[in-house]
C-alpha atoms as a PDB file:
ATOM      1  CA  MET A   1     -33.054 -58.354  52.130  1.00  0.00           C
ATOM      2  CA  SER A   2     -36.521 -59.604  53.413  1.00  0.00           C
ATOM      3  CA  ILE A   3     -39.158 -61.874  51.440  1.00  0.00           C
ATOM      4  CA  LYS A   4     -42.537 -61.699  52.144  1.00  0.00           C
ATOM      5  CA  THR A   5     -43.988 -62.876  54.267  1.00  0.00           C
ATOM      6  CA  GLN A   6     -33.543 -92.482  51.852  1.00  0.00           C
ATOM      7  CA  THR A   7     -35.400 -92.960  55.145  1.00  0.00           C
ATOM      8  CA  PRO A   8     -35.280 -90.856  57.792  1.00  0.00           C
ATOM      9  CA  ILE A   9     -34.004 -91.718  61.299  1.00  0.00           C
ATOM     10  CA  ASP A  10     -35.550 -91.069  64.089  1.00  0.00           C
ATOM     11  CA  ILE A  11     -32.772 -91.843  67.265  1.00  0.00           C
ATOM     12  CA  THR A  12     -36.031 -90.766  70.141  1.00  0.00           C
ATOM     13  CA  THR A  13     -38.792 -91.387  70.859  1.00  0.00           C
ATOM     14  CA  ALA A  14     -41.407 -89.455  69.504  1.00  0.00           C
ATOM     15  CA  PRO A  15     -44.595 -88.877  71.515  1.00  0.00           C
ATOM     16  CA  ALA A  16     -48.245 -89.227  69.506  1.00  0.00           C
ATOM     17  CA  ALA A  17     -48.721 -88.075  66.256  1.00  0.00           C
ATOM     18  CA  LEU A  18     -50.217 -84.483  65.419  1.00  0.00           C
ATOM     19  CA  ARG A  19     -53.659 -83.925  65.138  1.00  0.00           C
ATOM     20  CA  ALA A  20     -54.812 -84.228  61.289  1.00  0.00           C
ATOM     21  CA  THR A  21     -56.423 -80.939  61.298  1.00  0.00           C
ATOM     22  CA  GLU A  22     -53.885 -78.866  63.064  1.00  0.00           C
ATOM     23  CA  THR A  23     -51.712 -76.608  60.174  1.00  0.00           C
ATOM     24  CA  LEU A  24     -47.745 -76.767  61.270  1.00  0.00           C
ATOM     25  CA  ARG A  25     -46.376 -73.448  60.393  1.00  0.00           C
ATOM     26  CA  VAL A  26     -42.819 -73.748  57.885  1.00  0.00           C
ATOM     27  CA  PHE A  27     -40.513 -70.820  57.598  1.00  0.00           C
ATOM     28  CA  ILE A  28     -38.027 -71.317  55.085  1.00  0.00           C
ATOM     29  CA  VAL A  29     -33.817 -69.750  54.934  1.00  0.00           C
ATOM     30  CA  GLU A  30     -32.682 -70.327  51.820  1.00  0.00           C
ATOM     31  CA  ASP A  31     -30.702 -67.589  49.910  1.00  0.00           C
ATOM     32  CA  HIS A  32     -31.089 -69.704  46.169  1.00  0.00           C
ATOM     33  CA  PRO A  33     -34.827 -68.510  45.222  1.00  0.00           C
ATOM     34  CA  ILE A  34     -35.219 -71.691  43.011  1.00  0.00           C
ATOM     35  CA  THR A  35     -34.495 -74.229  45.424  1.00  0.00           C
ATOM     36  CA  ARG A  36     -36.576 -71.832  48.122  1.00  0.00           C
ATOM     37  CA  ALA A  37     -39.519 -72.125  45.428  1.00  0.00           C
ATOM     38  CA  GLY A  38     -39.336 -75.681  45.438  1.00  0.00           C
ATOM     39  CA  LEU A  39     -39.171 -76.655  48.852  1.00  0.00           C
ATOM     40  CA  CYS A  40     -42.252 -74.036  49.193  1.00  0.00           C
ATOM     41  CA  THR A  41     -44.085 -75.657  46.114  1.00  0.00           C
ATOM     42  CA  ILE A  42     -43.419 -79.454  48.158  1.00  0.00           C
ATOM     43  CA  ILE A  43     -45.186 -77.768  51.780  1.00  0.00           C
ATOM     44  CA  ASN A  44     -47.962 -76.371  50.410  1.00  0.00           C
ATOM     45  CA  ARG A  45     -48.649 -79.234  48.969  1.00  0.00           C
ATOM     46  CA  GLU A  46     -49.422 -81.100  52.427  1.00  0.00           C
ATOM     47  CA  HIS A  47     -52.719 -80.595  53.388  1.00  0.00           C
ATOM     48  CA  ASP A  48     -51.557 -80.490  57.229  1.00  0.00           C
ATOM     49  CA  LEU A  49     -48.067 -77.962  56.285  1.00  0.00           C
ATOM     50  CA  ALA A  50     -48.096 -74.166  55.583  1.00  0.00           C
ATOM     51  CA  VAL A  51     -45.125 -71.728  54.721  1.00  0.00           C
ATOM     52  CA  CYS A  52     -45.573 -69.284  56.588  1.00  0.00           C
ATOM     53  CA  GLY A  53     -42.590 -67.134  55.637  1.00  0.00           C
ATOM     54  CA  GLU A  54     -39.216 -66.803  54.049  1.00  0.00           C
ATOM     55  CA  ALA A  55     -36.102 -65.192  54.472  1.00  0.00           C
ATOM     56  CA  ASP A  56     -32.580 -65.163  51.855  1.00  0.00           C
ATOM     57  CA  ASP A  57     -30.489 -63.932  54.999  1.00  0.00           C
ATOM     58  CA  ALA A  58     -30.699 -63.992  58.579  1.00  0.00           C
ATOM     59  CA  PRO A  59     -30.669 -60.413  59.771  1.00  0.00           C
ATOM     60  CA  SER A  60     -34.388 -60.341  57.714  1.00  0.00           C
ATOM     61  CA  ALA A  61     -35.495 -64.086  59.103  1.00  0.00           C
ATOM     62  CA  LEU A  62     -34.882 -63.221  62.683  1.00  0.00           C
ATOM     63  CA  SER A  63     -37.757 -60.532  62.599  1.00  0.00           C
ATOM     64  CA  LEU A  64     -39.406 -62.751  60.714  1.00  0.00           C
ATOM     65  CA  ILE A  65     -39.861 -65.362  62.380  1.00  0.00           C
ATOM     66  CA  ALA A  66     -40.307 -63.519  65.700  1.00  0.00           C
ATOM     67  CA  SER A  67     -43.176 -62.222  63.712  1.00  0.00           C
ATOM     68  CA  THR A  68     -44.872 -64.888  62.195  1.00  0.00           C
ATOM     69  CA  ARG A  69     -44.230 -68.160  64.821  1.00  0.00           C
ATOM     70  CA  PRO A  70     -43.763 -71.060  62.697  1.00  0.00           C
ATOM     71  CA  SER A  71     -44.061 -74.571  64.126  1.00  0.00           C
ATOM     72  CA  ILE A  72     -40.507 -75.274  62.541  1.00  0.00           C
ATOM     73  CA  LEU A  73     -37.818 -73.224  60.690  1.00  0.00           C
ATOM     74  CA  VAL A  74     -35.759 -74.962  58.082  1.00  0.00           C
ATOM     75  CA  THR A  75     -32.767 -72.503  57.296  1.00  0.00           C
ATOM     76  CA  ASP A  76     -29.712 -73.203  54.948  1.00  0.00           C
ATOM     77  CA  ILE A  77     -25.811 -73.740  56.813  1.00  0.00           C
ATOM     78  CA  THR A  78     -24.193 -71.272  54.169  1.00  0.00           C
ATOM     79  CA  LEU A  79     -26.200 -67.981  53.424  1.00  0.00           C
ATOM     80  CA  LYS A  80     -24.267 -65.547  51.396  1.00  0.00           C
ATOM     81  CA  THR A  81     -24.096 -63.215  53.808  1.00  0.00           C
ATOM     82  CA  SER A  82     -24.943 -64.759  56.772  1.00  0.00           C
ATOM     83  CA  ASN A  83     -24.463 -68.292  58.681  1.00  0.00           C
ATOM     84  CA  GLY A  84     -26.684 -70.541  59.670  1.00  0.00           C
ATOM     85  CA  ILE A  85     -25.090 -72.239  62.638  1.00  0.00           C
ATOM     86  CA  GLU A  86     -25.214 -68.432  64.086  1.00  0.00           C
ATOM     87  CA  LEU A  87     -28.823 -68.248  62.777  1.00  0.00           C
ATOM     88  CA  ILE A  88     -29.601 -71.162  65.236  1.00  0.00           C
ATOM     89  CA  LYS A  89     -28.145 -69.852  68.127  1.00  0.00           C
ATOM     90  CA  ASN A  90     -30.060 -66.205  67.955  1.00  0.00           C
ATOM     91  CA  VAL A  91     -33.098 -67.806  66.983  1.00  0.00           C
ATOM     92  CA  LEU A  92     -33.081 -70.278  70.071  1.00  0.00           C
ATOM     93  CA  ALA A  93     -32.281 -67.022  72.014  1.00  0.00           C
ATOM     94  CA  LEU A  94     -35.285 -65.756  71.310  1.00  0.00           C
ATOM     95  CA  LEU A  95     -37.826 -68.733  70.973  1.00  0.00           C
ATOM     96  CA  PRO A  96     -35.755 -72.035  73.016  1.00  0.00           C
ATOM     97  CA  ASP A  97     -39.086 -74.260  71.751  1.00  0.00           C
ATOM     98  CA  LEU A  98     -38.867 -73.921  67.936  1.00  0.00           C
ATOM     99  CA  SER A  99     -38.188 -77.163  66.087  1.00  0.00           C
ATOM    100  CA  ILE A 100     -35.210 -76.462  63.685  1.00  0.00           C
ATOM    101  CA  LEU A 101     -34.139 -78.573  60.386  1.00  0.00           C
ATOM    102  CA  ALA A 102     -30.707 -77.397  59.057  1.00  0.00           C
ATOM    103  CA  MET A 103     -29.849 -77.791  55.611  1.00  0.00           C
ATOM    104  CA  SER A 104     -26.891 -78.018  53.671  1.00  0.00           C
ATOM    105  CA  MET A 105     -24.946 -79.056  50.429  1.00  0.00           C
ATOM    106  CA  HIS A 106     -22.012 -79.976  52.946  1.00  0.00           C
ATOM    107  CA  ASP A 107     -20.686 -82.962  54.243  1.00  0.00           C
ATOM    108  CA  GLU A 108     -22.445 -84.479  57.123  1.00  0.00           C
ATOM    109  CA  ARG A 109     -19.223 -84.956  58.753  1.00  0.00           C
ATOM    110  CA  VAL A 110     -18.677 -81.541  59.258  1.00  0.00           C
ATOM    111  CA  TYR A 111     -21.841 -79.694  59.637  1.00  0.00           C
ATOM    112  CA  ALA A 112     -24.455 -81.931  60.855  1.00  0.00           C
ATOM    113  CA  GLU A 113     -23.141 -82.791  64.547  1.00  0.00           C
ATOM    114  CA  ARG A 114     -22.257 -79.014  64.750  1.00  0.00           C
ATOM    115  CA  ALA A 115     -25.827 -78.137  63.504  1.00  0.00           C
ATOM    116  CA  LEU A 116     -27.120 -80.308  66.418  1.00  0.00           C
ATOM    117  CA  ARG A 117     -24.803 -78.566  69.003  1.00  0.00           C
ATOM    118  CA  ALA A 118     -26.529 -75.710  68.399  1.00  0.00           C
ATOM    119  CA  GLY A 119     -29.884 -76.526  68.766  1.00  0.00           C
ATOM    120  CA  ALA A 120     -31.660 -78.243  65.485  1.00  0.00           C
ATOM    121  CA  ARG A 121     -33.550 -81.133  65.688  1.00  0.00           C
ATOM    122  CA  GLY A 122     -31.941 -82.740  62.227  1.00  0.00           C
ATOM    123  CA  TYR A 123     -29.853 -82.220  59.041  1.00  0.00           C
ATOM    124  CA  LEU A 124     -30.997 -82.783  55.722  1.00  0.00           C
ATOM    125  CA  MET A 125     -28.384 -82.849  52.311  1.00  0.00           C
ATOM    126  CA  LYS A 126     -29.794 -80.426  50.168  1.00  0.00           C
ATOM    127  CA  LYS A 127     -28.839 -83.023  47.406  1.00  0.00           C
ATOM    128  CA  GLU A 128     -31.931 -85.101  49.342  1.00  0.00           C
ATOM    129  CA  ALA A 129     -34.451 -82.461  49.978  1.00  0.00           C
ATOM    130  CA  THR A 130     -36.787 -83.069  47.623  1.00  0.00           C
ATOM    131  CA  GLU A 131     -37.147 -86.417  48.834  1.00  0.00           C
ATOM    132  CA  TYR A 132     -36.642 -86.397  52.594  1.00  0.00           C
ATOM    133  CA  ILE A 133     -38.134 -82.857  53.271  1.00  0.00           C
ATOM    134  CA  LEU A 134     -41.488 -83.614  54.369  1.00  0.00           C
ATOM    135  CA  PRO A 135     -40.515 -87.039  56.470  1.00  0.00           C
ATOM    136  CA  ALA A 136     -37.824 -84.742  57.680  1.00  0.00           C
ATOM    137  CA  ILE A 137     -40.373 -82.238  58.991  1.00  0.00           C
ATOM    138  CA  ARG A 138     -42.855 -84.834  60.195  1.00  0.00           C
ATOM    139  CA  THR A 139     -40.345 -86.611  62.322  1.00  0.00           C
ATOM    140  CA  ILE A 140     -38.600 -83.332  64.133  1.00  0.00           C
ATOM    141  CA  ILE A 141     -42.094 -81.805  64.851  1.00  0.00           C
ATOM    142  CA  GLY A 142     -43.405 -85.254  65.807  1.00  0.00           C
ATOM    143  CA  GLY A 143     -40.535 -84.780  68.835  1.00  0.00           C
ATOM    144  CA  GLY A 144     -37.894 -86.795  67.100  1.00  0.00           C
ATOM    145  CA  ILE A 145     -34.684 -86.654  65.555  1.00  0.00           C
ATOM    146  CA  TYR A 146     -33.952 -86.449  62.036  1.00  0.00           C
ATOM    147  CA  LEU A 147     -30.803 -87.738  60.595  1.00  0.00           C
ATOM    148  CA  SER A 148     -29.174 -89.895  57.681  1.00  0.00           C
ATOM    149  CA  ALA A 149     -28.349 -93.445  58.515  1.00  0.00           C
ATOM    150  CA  PRO A 150     -25.007 -92.834  57.495  1.00  0.00           C
ATOM    151  CA  MET A 151     -25.179 -90.333  59.918  1.00  0.00           C
ATOM    152  CA  GLN A 152     -26.965 -91.592  62.266  1.00  0.00           C
ATOM    153  CA  LYS A 153     -23.771 -94.425  62.686  1.00  0.00           C
ATOM    154  CA  ASN A 154     -21.209 -92.264  62.731  1.00  0.00           C
ATOM    155  CA  LEU A 155     -22.821 -89.854  65.442  1.00  0.00           C
ATOM    156  CA  LEU A 156     -23.426 -93.246  67.519  1.00  0.00           C
ATOM    157  CA  ALA A 157     -19.887 -94.370  67.255  1.00  0.00           C
ATOM    158  CA  SER A 158     -18.089 -90.578  67.428  1.00  0.00           C
ATOM    159  CA  LEU A 159     -20.403 -90.911  70.991  1.00  0.00           C
ATOM    160  CA  LEU A 160     -19.263 -94.574  72.135  1.00  0.00           C
ATOM    161  CA  ASN A 161     -15.691 -93.715  71.287  1.00  0.00           C
ATOM    162  CA  GLN A 162     -16.129 -90.018  72.833  1.00  0.00           C
ATOM    163  CA  GLY A 163     -11.862 -89.551  73.854  1.00  0.00           C
ATOM    164  CA  LYS A 164     -10.594 -92.313  71.915  1.00  0.00           C
ATOM    165  CA  LYS A 165     -10.901 -91.159  68.403  1.00  0.00           C
ATOM    166  CA  GLU A 166      -8.077 -89.798  67.177  1.00  0.00           C
ATOM    167  CA  ALA A 167      -8.286 -86.183  65.223  1.00  0.00           C
ATOM    168  CA  ALA A 168      -6.649 -87.570  62.416  1.00  0.00           C
ATOM    169  CA  ASP A 169      -9.369 -89.662  61.521  1.00  0.00           C
ATOM    170  CA  PHE A 170     -10.967 -86.128  59.799  1.00  0.00           C
ATOM    171  CA  PRO A 171      -8.890 -82.804  61.225  1.00  0.00           C
ATOM    172  CA  LEU A 172     -11.980 -80.827  59.991  1.00  0.00           C
ATOM    173  CA  ASP A 173     -13.398 -82.007  63.291  1.00  0.00           C
ATOM    174  CA  THR A 174     -11.173 -79.984  65.500  1.00  0.00           C
ATOM    175  CA  LEU A 175     -12.016 -76.958  64.164  1.00  0.00           C
ATOM    176  CA  SER A 176     -14.690 -74.970  65.723  1.00  0.00           C
ATOM    177  CA  ASP A 177     -17.514 -73.746  63.698  1.00  0.00           C
ATOM    178  CA  ARG A 178     -15.958 -70.109  63.421  1.00  0.00           C
ATOM    179  CA  GLU A 179     -12.879 -71.838  61.848  1.00  0.00           C
ATOM    180  CA  ILE A 180     -14.541 -73.931  59.717  1.00  0.00           C
ATOM    181  CA  GLU A 181     -16.593 -70.628  58.599  1.00  0.00           C
ATOM    182  CA  VAL A 182     -13.162 -69.089  57.387  1.00  0.00           C
ATOM    183  CA  PHE A 183     -11.266 -72.144  56.165  1.00  0.00           C
ATOM    184  CA  GLN A 184     -14.425 -71.964  53.789  1.00  0.00           C
ATOM    185  CA  LEU A 185     -14.599 -68.828  52.900  1.00  0.00           C
ATOM    186  CA  ILE A 186     -11.063 -69.157  52.133  1.00  0.00           C
ATOM    187  CA  GLY A 187     -11.531 -72.228  50.105  1.00  0.00           C
ATOM    188  CA  ASN A 188     -14.237 -70.140  47.934  1.00  0.00           C
ATOM    189  CA  GLY A 189     -11.244 -67.290  46.658  1.00  0.00           C
ATOM    190  CA  TYR A 190     -11.824 -64.651  49.076  1.00  0.00           C
ATOM    191  CA  ALA A 191      -8.561 -62.375  50.515  1.00  0.00           C
ATOM    192  CA  THR A 192      -8.528 -61.569  54.554  1.00  0.00           C
ATOM    193  CA  LYS A 193     -10.026 -57.966  54.222  1.00  0.00           C
ATOM    194  CA  GLU A 194     -13.430 -59.802  52.247  1.00  0.00           C
ATOM    195  CA  ILE A 195     -13.503 -62.134  55.093  1.00  0.00           C
ATOM    196  CA  ALA A 196     -13.101 -60.008  57.711  1.00  0.00           C
ATOM    197  CA  ARG A 197     -15.918 -57.721  55.779  1.00  0.00           C
ATOM    198  CA  ARG A 198     -18.584 -60.731  55.648  1.00  0.00           C
ATOM    199  CA  LEU A 199     -18.103 -61.965  59.153  1.00  0.00           C
ATOM    200  CA  LYS A 200     -17.932 -58.393  60.538  1.00  0.00           C
ATOM    201  CA  LEU A 201     -15.026 -59.129  62.080  1.00  0.00           C
ATOM    202  CA  SER A 202     -11.078 -57.483  61.807  1.00  0.00           C
ATOM    203  CA  PRO A 203      -8.479 -58.328  59.113  1.00  0.00           C
ATOM    204  CA  LYS A 204      -6.260 -58.713  62.586  1.00  0.00           C
ATOM    205  CA  THR A 205      -8.603 -61.245  64.088  1.00  0.00           C
ATOM    206  CA  ILE A 206      -8.966 -63.027  60.224  1.00  0.00           C
ATOM    207  CA  ASP A 207      -5.173 -63.386  60.619  1.00  0.00           C
ATOM    208  CA  SER A 208      -5.339 -65.217  63.712  1.00  0.00           C
ATOM    209  CA  TYR A 209      -8.067 -67.752  62.884  1.00  0.00           C
ATOM    210  CA  ARG A 210      -5.783 -68.618  60.027  1.00  0.00           C
ATOM    211  CA  GLU A 211      -3.008 -69.087  61.831  1.00  0.00           C
ATOM    212  CA  HIS A 212      -5.390 -71.448  63.880  1.00  0.00           C
ATOM    213  CA  LEU A 213      -6.091 -72.757  61.014  1.00  0.00           C
ATOM    214  CA  LYS A 214      -2.635 -73.870  59.835  1.00  0.00           C
ATOM    215  CA  ILE A 215      -1.322 -75.648  63.641  1.00  0.00           C
ATOM    216  CA  LYS A 216      -4.976 -77.106  63.555  1.00  0.00           C
ATOM    217  CA  LEU A 217      -4.265 -78.606  60.100  1.00  0.00           C
ATOM    218  CA  ASN A 218      -0.790 -79.649  60.844  1.00  0.00           C
ATOM    219  CA  LEU A 219      -0.199 -76.974  57.576  1.00  0.00           C
ATOM    220  CA  LYS A 220       3.846 -75.399  57.277  1.00  0.00           C
ATOM    221  CA  ASN A 221       1.997 -71.714  55.508  1.00  0.00           C
ATOM    222  CA  GLY A 222      -0.683 -69.613  53.827  1.00  0.00           C
ATOM    223  CA  ALA A 223      -0.079 -71.553  50.752  1.00  0.00           C
ATOM    224  CA  GLU A 224      -0.276 -74.866  52.189  1.00  0.00           C
ATOM    225  CA  LEU A 225      -3.689 -73.436  54.217  1.00  0.00           C
ATOM    226  CA  LEU A 226      -5.401 -72.274  50.784  1.00  0.00           C
ATOM    227  CA  ARG A 227      -4.176 -74.962  48.634  1.00  0.00           C
ATOM    228  CA  HIS A 228      -6.045 -77.310  51.147  1.00  0.00           C
ATOM    229  CA  ALA A 229      -9.162 -74.523  51.245  1.00  0.00           C
ATOM    230  CA  ILE A 230      -9.449 -74.655  47.710  1.00  0.00           C
ATOM    231  CA  ARG A 231      -9.696 -78.763  47.706  1.00  0.00           C
ATOM    232  CA  TRP A 232     -12.327 -78.960  50.405  1.00  0.00           C
ATOM    233  CA  ALA A 233     -14.395 -76.302  48.794  1.00  0.00           C
ATOM    234  CA  ARG A 234     -14.383 -77.806  45.333  1.00  0.00           C
ATOM    235  CA  LEU A 235     -15.288 -81.025  46.991  1.00  0.00           C
ATOM    236  CA  GLU A 236     -17.771 -79.429  48.524  1.00  0.00           C
ATOM    237  CA  ASN A 237     -18.893 -78.031  45.228  1.00  0.00           C
ATOM    238  CA  THR A 238     -19.512 -81.293  44.006  1.00  0.00           C
ATOM    239  CA  ILE A 239     -21.461 -82.424  46.412  1.00  0.00           C
ATOM    240  CA  GLU A 240     -23.622 -79.602  45.813  1.00  0.00           C
ATOM    241  CA  ASP A 241     -23.923 -80.353  41.653  1.00  0.00           C
END
């Protein structure tokens, strides 16, 4: 379905400020209409920013981004019928120089580093979007990387201790992007066939992911996997609320 067209931390040195007369084009991918409308309102109030397009899923976004050529993409990580991390990778395959800000309700420890590895230039928690969306956009377009202060500290600590960090410190760190996606869908109550349909994979492949999840998270059986996934999903939903 297509749709018509805390202080920022900059861990790089941004180049000179952009010209005040330049209008920066922002494309938004967000499947919650109210959230999307709110972001559009905030952005369009700025004299040098304008929303050039919107989409509520990855397939629509890919075609519209190619035609609108935005200055920056703001995308949710979790979309109803697609995945924001994969969208970031696919967009950059088409437009390698596009600046991208990832946004999500989910814990920064799980998704921020994954978003950066995929090619995003920043990560913003949804609960902070109203206050920090503009600083995040300006930081990224100015050449910087936007992260919250706590996440910057965690990321730098991770880099300094690379190779020494115990996986047990945060077990989900051991999961791949796809495994995280499957884990989240399990926690949200989807059965194997439903997950396979959403991810366009075979049920056999999803069963393999379930086995990998049990091994990596040191869980004895499917019942333990389901309990842990539901507990994590509920925690994530309280973050959104």
